[in-house]
Amino acid sequence: MKDIHAVKGRFLIGRLVAEGEHECQDFKYKISDARKIARSLSAFANHKGGRLLIGVKDNGVIAGVRSEEDIFMIETAAGSFCRPEPAVSFKAYKATDDGAVVVIATVEPIPDASEYICVKEQDGHLQAYIRVADENIAMPPYMMQARSLRGSIPGITLGATSPEAAVIDTINALGDEATLDQVLKKVKASRLAATDAIVRLLAISALRSTYSAGAFRLSFPT
């Protein structure tokens, strides 16, 4: 890892810390788990990018980076646990009068909307994450499938008895923001056909899946 030269940035870091943690920003003081950091990198990259403020405690106290090992852990997270490897850049700032250094690790959003950054989990499976408020949330399989199909489905013919029409009718009947399980229990189609229809509808942006109140919910774009 190349040495990072710290530049003056007390006011910049102060302004960013004042924002708190949110969908595009996370505070990191102690980094001891590269795979956990990889989930943050995945969530930021699959969303619209973000930054890790390394050397800032969860309560916003600027403590400074303890050692270059913290930066190395992020590089390890990106290179060893993320598939594909996300684009991460580092810049160091002198953030306090006594010279405490905060490093900003900037994660670029993945440029292709049909792709996503996954994390190689301990059991070997690949899991993508998204960022919701200040949390990293595991992307459900149907969302991962829909994302990989974006741009490859020219359109869908909604016949009266098609699974897509059944899914749309069911969501209309249940009300906006129904969960996947609610739709699958009520839809007049097999579970497999309905799931495939939801994936296709999401892929062409005829449906959206958003996370709220502890669950992913299906709704129509506004």
C-alpha atoms as a PDB file:
ATOM      1  CA  MET A   1       0.000   0.000   0.000  1.00  0.00           C
ATOM      2  CA  LYS A   2       1.283   3.407  -0.940  1.00  0.00           C
ATOM      3  CA  ASP A   3       1.773   5.968   1.813  1.00  0.00           C
ATOM      4  CA  ILE A   4      -1.025   8.521   1.950  1.00  0.00           C
ATOM      5  CA  HIS A   5       0.037  12.108   2.612  1.00  0.00           C
ATOM      6  CA  ALA A   6      -2.406  14.006   4.847  1.00  0.00           C
ATOM      7  CA  VAL A   7      -3.517  17.479   3.795  1.00  0.00           C
ATOM      8  CA  LYS A   8      -5.338  20.136   5.791  1.00  0.00           C
ATOM      9  CA  GLY A   9      -9.023  19.384   6.081  1.00  0.00           C
ATOM     10  CA  ARG A  10     -10.371  20.275   9.510  1.00  0.00           C
ATOM     11  CA  PHE A  11     -13.384  22.163   8.164  1.00  0.00           C
ATOM     12  CA  LEU A  12     -14.166  19.566   5.493  1.00  0.00           C
ATOM     13  CA  ILE A  13     -14.085  16.680   7.951  1.00  0.00           C
ATOM     14  CA  GLY A  14     -16.083  18.706  10.485  1.00  0.00           C
ATOM     15  CA  ARG A  15     -18.778  19.362   7.900  1.00  0.00           C
ATOM     16  CA  LEU A  16     -18.957  15.710   6.844  1.00  0.00           C
ATOM     17  CA  VAL A  17     -19.080  14.458  10.431  1.00  0.00           C
ATOM     18  CA  ALA A  18     -21.925  16.901  11.127  1.00  0.00           C
ATOM     19  CA  GLU A  19     -23.966  15.119   8.442  1.00  0.00           C
ATOM     20  CA  GLY A  20     -23.869  11.917  10.489  1.00  0.00           C
ATOM     21  CA  GLU A  21     -24.094   8.467   8.987  1.00  0.00           C
ATOM     22  CA  HIS A  22     -26.486   8.158   6.066  1.00  0.00           C
ATOM     23  CA  GLU A  23     -27.008   6.304   2.797  1.00  0.00           C
ATOM     24  CA  CYS A  24     -23.769   7.663   1.338  1.00  0.00           C
ATOM     25  CA  GLN A  25     -21.598   7.925   4.448  1.00  0.00           C
ATOM     26  CA  ASP A  26     -20.381   5.644   7.225  1.00  0.00           C
ATOM     27  CA  PHE A  27     -18.047   6.238  10.163  1.00  0.00           C
ATOM     28  CA  LYS A  28     -15.333   3.666  10.892  1.00  0.00           C
ATOM     29  CA  TYR A  29     -12.959   3.820  13.823  1.00  0.00           C
ATOM     30  CA  LYS A  30     -11.930   0.253  14.551  1.00  0.00           C
ATOM     31  CA  ILE A  31     -11.687  -2.018  11.488  1.00  0.00           C
ATOM     32  CA  SER A  32     -11.211  -5.643  12.468  1.00  0.00           C
ATOM     33  CA  ASP A  33     -13.338  -7.574   9.956  1.00  0.00           C
ATOM     34  CA  ALA A  34     -12.526  -7.275   6.243  1.00  0.00           C
ATOM     35  CA  ARG A  35     -15.630  -9.181   5.175  1.00  0.00           C
ATOM     36  CA  LYS A  36     -17.862  -6.817   7.156  1.00  0.00           C
ATOM     37  CA  ILE A  37     -16.195  -3.850   5.465  1.00  0.00           C
ATOM     38  CA  ALA A  38     -16.720  -5.591   2.113  1.00  0.00           C
ATOM     39  CA  ARG A  39     -20.468  -5.460   2.769  1.00  0.00           C
ATOM     40  CA  SER A  40     -20.242  -1.678   3.135  1.00  0.00           C
ATOM     41  CA  LEU A  41     -18.272  -1.435  -0.109  1.00  0.00           C
ATOM     42  CA  SER A  42     -20.865  -3.601  -1.880  1.00  0.00           C
ATOM     43  CA  ALA A  43     -23.769  -1.571  -0.505  1.00  0.00           C
ATOM     44  CA  PHE A  44     -22.261   1.762  -1.547  1.00  0.00           C
ATOM     45  CA  ALA A  45     -21.219   0.530  -5.008  1.00  0.00           C
ATOM     46  CA  ASN A  46     -24.646  -0.998  -5.696  1.00  0.00           C
ATOM     47  CA  HIS A  47     -26.368   2.208  -4.582  1.00  0.00           C
ATOM     48  CA  LYS A  48     -24.924   5.509  -5.773  1.00  0.00           C
ATOM     49  CA  GLY A  49     -21.504   5.401  -4.214  1.00  0.00           C
ATOM     50  CA  GLY A  50     -20.424   6.574  -0.792  1.00  0.00           C
ATOM     51  CA  ARG A  51     -17.571   7.197   1.583  1.00  0.00           C
ATOM     52  CA  LEU A  52     -16.111   5.693   4.727  1.00  0.00           C
ATOM     53  CA  LEU A  53     -14.670   8.181   7.208  1.00  0.00           C
ATOM     54  CA  ILE A  54     -11.887   6.176   8.817  1.00  0.00           C
ATOM     55  CA  GLY A  55     -10.829   7.492  12.196  1.00  0.00           C
ATOM     56  CA  VAL A  56     -14.287   8.689  13.249  1.00  0.00           C
ATOM     57  CA  LYS A  57     -16.232   6.914  16.002  1.00  0.00           C
ATOM     58  CA  ASP A  58     -19.916   6.014  15.666  1.00  0.00           C
ATOM     59  CA  ASN A  59     -20.847   8.991  17.852  1.00  0.00           C
ATOM     60  CA  GLY A  60     -19.012  11.393  15.543  1.00  0.00           C
ATOM     61  CA  VAL A  61     -15.932  11.880  17.723  1.00  0.00           C
ATOM     62  CA  ILE A  62     -12.824  12.362  15.597  1.00  0.00           C
ATOM     63  CA  ALA A  63     -10.230  10.017  17.068  1.00  0.00           C
ATOM     64  CA  GLY A  64      -7.956   9.688  14.062  1.00  0.00           C
ATOM     65  CA  VAL A  65      -6.694   6.667  12.162  1.00  0.00           C
ATOM     66  CA  ARG A  66      -4.854   4.332  14.496  1.00  0.00           C
ATOM     67  CA  SER A  67      -2.576   2.723  11.912  1.00  0.00           C
ATOM     68  CA  GLU A  68      -2.188   2.005   8.220  1.00  0.00           C
ATOM     69  CA  GLU A  69      -3.531  -1.466   8.988  1.00  0.00           C
ATOM     70  CA  ASP A  70      -7.032   0.019   8.884  1.00  0.00           C
ATOM     71  CA  ILE A  71      -6.472   1.155   5.295  1.00  0.00           C
ATOM     72  CA  PHE A  72      -4.958  -2.198   4.401  1.00  0.00           C
ATOM     73  CA  MET A  73      -8.093  -3.941   5.717  1.00  0.00           C
ATOM     74  CA  ILE A  74     -10.256  -1.949   3.314  1.00  0.00           C
ATOM     75  CA  GLU A  75      -7.977  -2.809   0.410  1.00  0.00           C
ATOM     76  CA  THR A  76      -8.179  -6.458   1.462  1.00  0.00           C
ATOM     77  CA  ALA A  77     -11.965  -6.233   1.677  1.00  0.00           C
ATOM     78  CA  ALA A  78     -12.183  -4.863  -1.862  1.00  0.00           C
ATOM     79  CA  GLY A  79      -9.679  -7.217  -3.429  1.00  0.00           C
ATOM     80  CA  SER A  80     -10.285 -10.453  -1.538  1.00  0.00           C
ATOM     81  CA  PHE A  81     -13.962 -10.451  -0.614  1.00  0.00           C
ATOM     82  CA  CYS A  82     -15.731  -8.393  -3.314  1.00  0.00           C
ATOM     83  CA  ARG A  83     -16.691  -9.762  -6.727  1.00  0.00           C
ATOM     84  CA  PRO A  84     -15.979  -7.877  -8.908  1.00  0.00           C
ATOM     85  CA  GLU A  85     -13.605  -5.527  -7.085  1.00  0.00           C
ATOM     86  CA  PRO A  86     -15.143  -2.093  -6.484  1.00  0.00           C
ATOM     87  CA  ALA A  87     -13.311   1.134  -7.259  1.00  0.00           C
ATOM     88  CA  VAL A  88     -12.082   2.627  -3.968  1.00  0.00           C
ATOM     89  CA  SER A  89      -9.808   5.649  -3.554  1.00  0.00           C
ATOM     90  CA  PHE A  90      -8.254   7.122  -0.410  1.00  0.00           C
ATOM     91  CA  LYS A  91      -7.434  10.632   0.725  1.00  0.00           C
ATOM     92  CA  ALA A  92      -6.105  11.639   4.143  1.00  0.00           C
ATOM     93  CA  TYR A  93      -6.880  14.852   6.030  1.00  0.00           C
ATOM     94  CA  LYS A  94      -5.537  16.488   9.170  1.00  0.00           C
ATOM     95  CA  ALA A  95      -8.857  16.811  10.928  1.00  0.00           C
ATOM     96  CA  THR A  96      -8.067  18.383  14.328  1.00  0.00           C
ATOM     97  CA  ASP A  97      -5.757  21.000  15.776  1.00  0.00           C
ATOM     98  CA  ASP A  98      -3.626  18.280  17.349  1.00  0.00           C
ATOM     99  CA  GLY A  99      -3.122  16.593  13.978  1.00  0.00           C
ATOM    100  CA  ALA A 100      -5.487  13.607  14.150  1.00  0.00           C
ATOM    101  CA  VAL A 101      -5.782  12.135  10.652  1.00  0.00           C
ATOM    102  CA  VAL A 102      -9.045  11.006   9.064  1.00  0.00           C
ATOM    103  CA  VAL A 103      -8.920   9.031   5.839  1.00  0.00           C
ATOM    104  CA  ILE A 104     -11.846   9.192   3.426  1.00  0.00           C
ATOM    105  CA  ALA A 105     -12.302   5.996   1.441  1.00  0.00           C
ATOM    106  CA  THR A 106     -14.511   6.895  -1.523  1.00  0.00           C
ATOM    107  CA  VAL A 107     -16.447   4.055  -3.158  1.00  0.00           C
ATOM    108  CA  GLU A 108     -17.546   4.648  -6.741  1.00  0.00           C
ATOM    109  CA  PRO A 109     -20.975   3.419  -7.875  1.00  0.00           C
ATOM    110  CA  ILE A 110     -20.839   0.496 -10.262  1.00  0.00           C
ATOM    111  CA  PRO A 111     -21.237   1.998 -13.752  1.00  0.00           C
ATOM    112  CA  ASP A 112     -23.333  -0.765 -15.329  1.00  0.00           C
ATOM    113  CA  ALA A 113     -26.878  -0.879 -13.944  1.00  0.00           C
ATOM    114  CA  SER A 114     -27.161  -4.555 -14.899  1.00  0.00           C
ATOM    115  CA  GLU A 115     -24.257  -5.538 -12.648  1.00  0.00           C
ATOM    116  CA  TYR A 116     -23.674  -5.496  -8.908  1.00  0.00           C
ATOM    117  CA  ILE A 117     -20.848  -5.972  -6.442  1.00  0.00           C
ATOM    118  CA  CYS A 118     -21.155  -9.147  -4.375  1.00  0.00           C
ATOM    119  CA  VAL A 119     -19.418 -10.241  -1.195  1.00  0.00           C
ATOM    120  CA  LYS A 120     -17.984 -13.726  -0.876  1.00  0.00           C
ATOM    121  CA  GLU A 121     -19.571 -14.840   2.373  1.00  0.00           C
ATOM    122  CA  GLN A 122     -18.061 -17.307   4.813  1.00  0.00           C
ATOM    123  CA  ASP A 123     -19.991 -20.262   3.345  1.00  0.00           C
ATOM    124  CA  GLY A 124     -18.770 -19.388  -0.148  1.00  0.00           C
ATOM    125  CA  HIS A 125     -21.947 -17.946  -1.652  1.00  0.00           C
ATOM    126  CA  LEU A 126     -21.986 -14.514  -3.262  1.00  0.00           C
ATOM    127  CA  GLN A 127     -24.308 -11.923  -1.707  1.00  0.00           C
ATOM    128  CA  ALA A 128     -24.971  -8.400  -2.952  1.00  0.00           C
ATOM    129  CA  TYR A 129     -25.890  -5.574  -0.573  1.00  0.00           C
ATOM    130  CA  ILE A 130     -27.652  -2.254  -0.934  1.00  0.00           C
ATOM    131  CA  ARG A 131     -27.516   0.822   1.240  1.00  0.00           C
ATOM    132  CA  VAL A 132     -30.684   1.886   3.060  1.00  0.00           C
ATOM    133  CA  ALA A 133     -30.296   4.935   5.330  1.00  0.00           C
ATOM    134  CA  ASP A 134     -27.241   3.998   7.433  1.00  0.00           C
ATOM    135  CA  GLU A 135     -27.593   0.224   7.046  1.00  0.00           C
ATOM    136  CA  ASN A 136     -26.215  -2.388   4.662  1.00  0.00           C
ATOM    137  CA  ILE A 137     -29.079  -4.672   3.630  1.00  0.00           C
ATOM    138  CA  ALA A 138     -28.684  -8.013   1.839  1.00  0.00           C
ATOM    139  CA  MET A 139     -30.253  -7.866  -1.621  1.00  0.00           C
ATOM    140  CA  PRO A 140     -32.831 -10.682  -2.036  1.00  0.00           C
ATOM    141  CA  PRO A 141     -32.228 -13.176  -4.871  1.00  0.00           C
ATOM    142  CA  TYR A 142     -35.100 -11.907  -7.025  1.00  0.00           C
ATOM    143  CA  MET A 143     -33.616  -8.395  -6.989  1.00  0.00           C
ATOM    144  CA  MET A 144     -30.194  -9.743  -7.947  1.00  0.00           C
ATOM    145  CA  GLN A 145     -31.750 -11.665 -10.846  1.00  0.00           C
ATOM    146  CA  ALA A 146     -33.716  -8.624 -12.011  1.00  0.00           C
ATOM    147  CA  ARG A 147     -30.644  -6.425 -11.933  1.00  0.00           C
ATOM    148  CA  SER A 148     -28.674  -8.887 -14.063  1.00  0.00           C
ATOM    149  CA  LEU A 149     -31.480  -8.842 -16.671  1.00  0.00           C
ATOM    150  CA  ARG A 150     -31.698  -5.068 -17.041  1.00  0.00           C
ATOM    151  CA  GLY A 151     -31.354  -4.036 -20.646  1.00  0.00           C
ATOM    152  CA  SER A 152     -31.772  -7.583 -21.974  1.00  0.00           C
ATOM    153  CA  ILE A 153     -35.593  -7.741 -21.955  1.00  0.00           C
ATOM    154  CA  PRO A 154     -37.094  -5.633 -24.780  1.00  0.00           C
ATOM    155  CA  GLY A 155     -40.584  -5.664 -23.306  1.00  0.00           C
ATOM    156  CA  ILE A 156     -43.404  -7.788 -21.937  1.00  0.00           C
ATOM    157  CA  THR A 157     -46.779  -8.562 -23.495  1.00  0.00           C
ATOM    158  CA  LEU A 158     -49.381  -8.440 -20.747  1.00  0.00           C
ATOM    159  CA  GLY A 159     -51.914 -11.042 -21.795  1.00  0.00           C
ATOM    160  CA  ALA A 160     -54.987 -11.414 -19.625  1.00  0.00           C
ATOM    161  CA  THR A 161     -53.771 -14.753 -18.260  1.00  0.00           C
ATOM    162  CA  SER A 162     -50.047 -14.000 -18.158  1.00  0.00           C
ATOM    163  CA  PRO A 163     -48.160 -14.339 -14.867  1.00  0.00           C
ATOM    164  CA  GLU A 164     -47.161 -10.674 -15.159  1.00  0.00           C
ATOM    165  CA  ALA A 165     -50.800  -9.610 -15.333  1.00  0.00           C
ATOM    166  CA  ALA A 166     -51.582 -11.839 -12.339  1.00  0.00           C
ATOM    167  CA  VAL A 167     -48.765 -10.224 -10.338  1.00  0.00           C
ATOM    168  CA  ILE A 168     -49.931  -6.700 -11.213  1.00  0.00           C
ATOM    169  CA  ASP A 169     -53.546  -7.553 -10.319  1.00  0.00           C
ATOM    170  CA  THR A 170     -52.413  -9.045  -6.994  1.00  0.00           C
ATOM    171  CA  ILE A 171     -50.338  -6.012  -6.033  1.00  0.00           C
ATOM    172  CA  ASN A 172     -53.267  -3.771  -6.964  1.00  0.00           C
ATOM    173  CA  ALA A 173     -55.540  -5.852  -4.736  1.00  0.00           C
ATOM    174  CA  LEU A 174     -53.114  -5.961  -1.808  1.00  0.00           C
ATOM    175  CA  GLY A 175     -52.272  -2.294  -2.021  1.00  0.00           C
ATOM    176  CA  ASP A 176     -49.000  -0.651  -2.800  1.00  0.00           C
ATOM    177  CA  GLU A 177     -45.869  -1.902  -1.054  1.00  0.00           C
ATOM    178  CA  ALA A 178     -46.844  -5.549  -0.677  1.00  0.00           C
ATOM    179  CA  THR A 179     -44.071  -7.940   0.330  1.00  0.00           C
ATOM    180  CA  LEU A 180     -42.926 -10.743  -1.942  1.00  0.00           C
ATOM    181  CA  ASP A 181     -44.441 -13.395   0.361  1.00  0.00           C
ATOM    182  CA  GLN A 182     -47.779 -11.580   0.407  1.00  0.00           C
ATOM    183  CA  VAL A 183     -47.873 -11.478  -3.384  1.00  0.00           C
ATOM    184  CA  LEU A 184     -46.828 -15.116  -3.806  1.00  0.00           C
ATOM    185  CA  LYS A 185     -49.520 -16.286  -1.369  1.00  0.00           C
ATOM    186  CA  LYS A 186     -52.304 -14.420  -3.192  1.00  0.00           C
ATOM    187  CA  VAL A 187     -51.293 -14.451  -6.854  1.00  0.00           C
ATOM    188  CA  LYS A 188     -53.247 -16.651  -9.275  1.00  0.00           C
ATOM    189  CA  ALA A 189     -50.153 -18.314 -10.701  1.00  0.00           C
ATOM    190  CA  SER A 190     -47.600 -20.849  -9.549  1.00  0.00           C
ATOM    191  CA  ARG A 191     -44.955 -19.622  -7.153  1.00  0.00           C
ATOM    192  CA  LEU A 192     -42.194 -20.164  -9.740  1.00  0.00           C
ATOM    193  CA  ALA A 193     -44.097 -18.425 -12.555  1.00  0.00           C
ATOM    194  CA  ALA A 194     -45.014 -15.508 -10.298  1.00  0.00           C
ATOM    195  CA  THR A 195     -41.426 -15.078  -9.078  1.00  0.00           C
ATOM    196  CA  ASP A 196     -40.133 -15.135 -12.661  1.00  0.00           C
ATOM    197  CA  ALA A 197     -42.769 -12.552 -13.624  1.00  0.00           C
ATOM    198  CA  ILE A 198     -41.731 -10.280 -10.747  1.00  0.00           C
ATOM    199  CA  VAL A 199     -38.100 -10.532 -11.851  1.00  0.00           C
ATOM    200  CA  ARG A 200     -39.028  -9.562 -15.417  1.00  0.00           C
ATOM    201  CA  LEU A 201     -41.240  -6.680 -14.287  1.00  0.00           C
ATOM    202  CA  LEU A 202     -38.464  -5.347 -12.072  1.00  0.00           C
ATOM    203  CA  ALA A 203     -35.936  -5.718 -14.903  1.00  0.00           C
ATOM    204  CA  ILE A 204     -37.970  -3.413 -17.167  1.00  0.00           C
ATOM    205  CA  SER A 205     -38.771  -1.033 -14.279  1.00  0.00           C
ATOM    206  CA  ALA A 206     -42.491  -1.814 -14.381  1.00  0.00           C
ATOM    207  CA  LEU A 207     -42.155  -2.661 -10.675  1.00  0.00           C
ATOM    208  CA  ARG A 208     -39.780  -1.467  -8.005  1.00  0.00           C
ATOM    209  CA  SER A 209     -38.570  -3.135  -4.838  1.00  0.00           C
ATOM    210  CA  THR A 210     -37.744  -0.912  -1.883  1.00  0.00           C
ATOM    211  CA  TYR A 211     -36.833  -1.627   1.717  1.00  0.00           C
ATOM    212  CA  SER A 212     -39.010  -0.238   4.504  1.00  0.00           C
ATOM    213  CA  ALA A 213     -40.239  -1.342   7.921  1.00  0.00           C
ATOM    214  CA  GLY A 214     -37.855  -4.287   7.956  1.00  0.00           C
ATOM    215  CA  ALA A 215     -38.818  -5.838   4.617  1.00  0.00           C
ATOM    216  CA  PHE A 216     -38.500  -5.409   0.864  1.00  0.00           C
ATOM    217  CA  ARG A 217     -41.766  -4.282  -0.666  1.00  0.00           C
ATOM    218  CA  LEU A 218     -43.055  -4.314  -4.227  1.00  0.00           C
ATOM    219  CA  SER A 219     -44.737  -1.254  -5.640  1.00  0.00           C
ATOM    220  CA  PHE A 220     -45.386   0.520  -8.914  1.00  0.00           C
ATOM    221  CA  PRO A 221     -43.072   3.349 -10.010  1.00  0.00           C
ATOM    222  CA  THR A 222     -44.478   6.808  -9.431  1.00  0.00           C
END
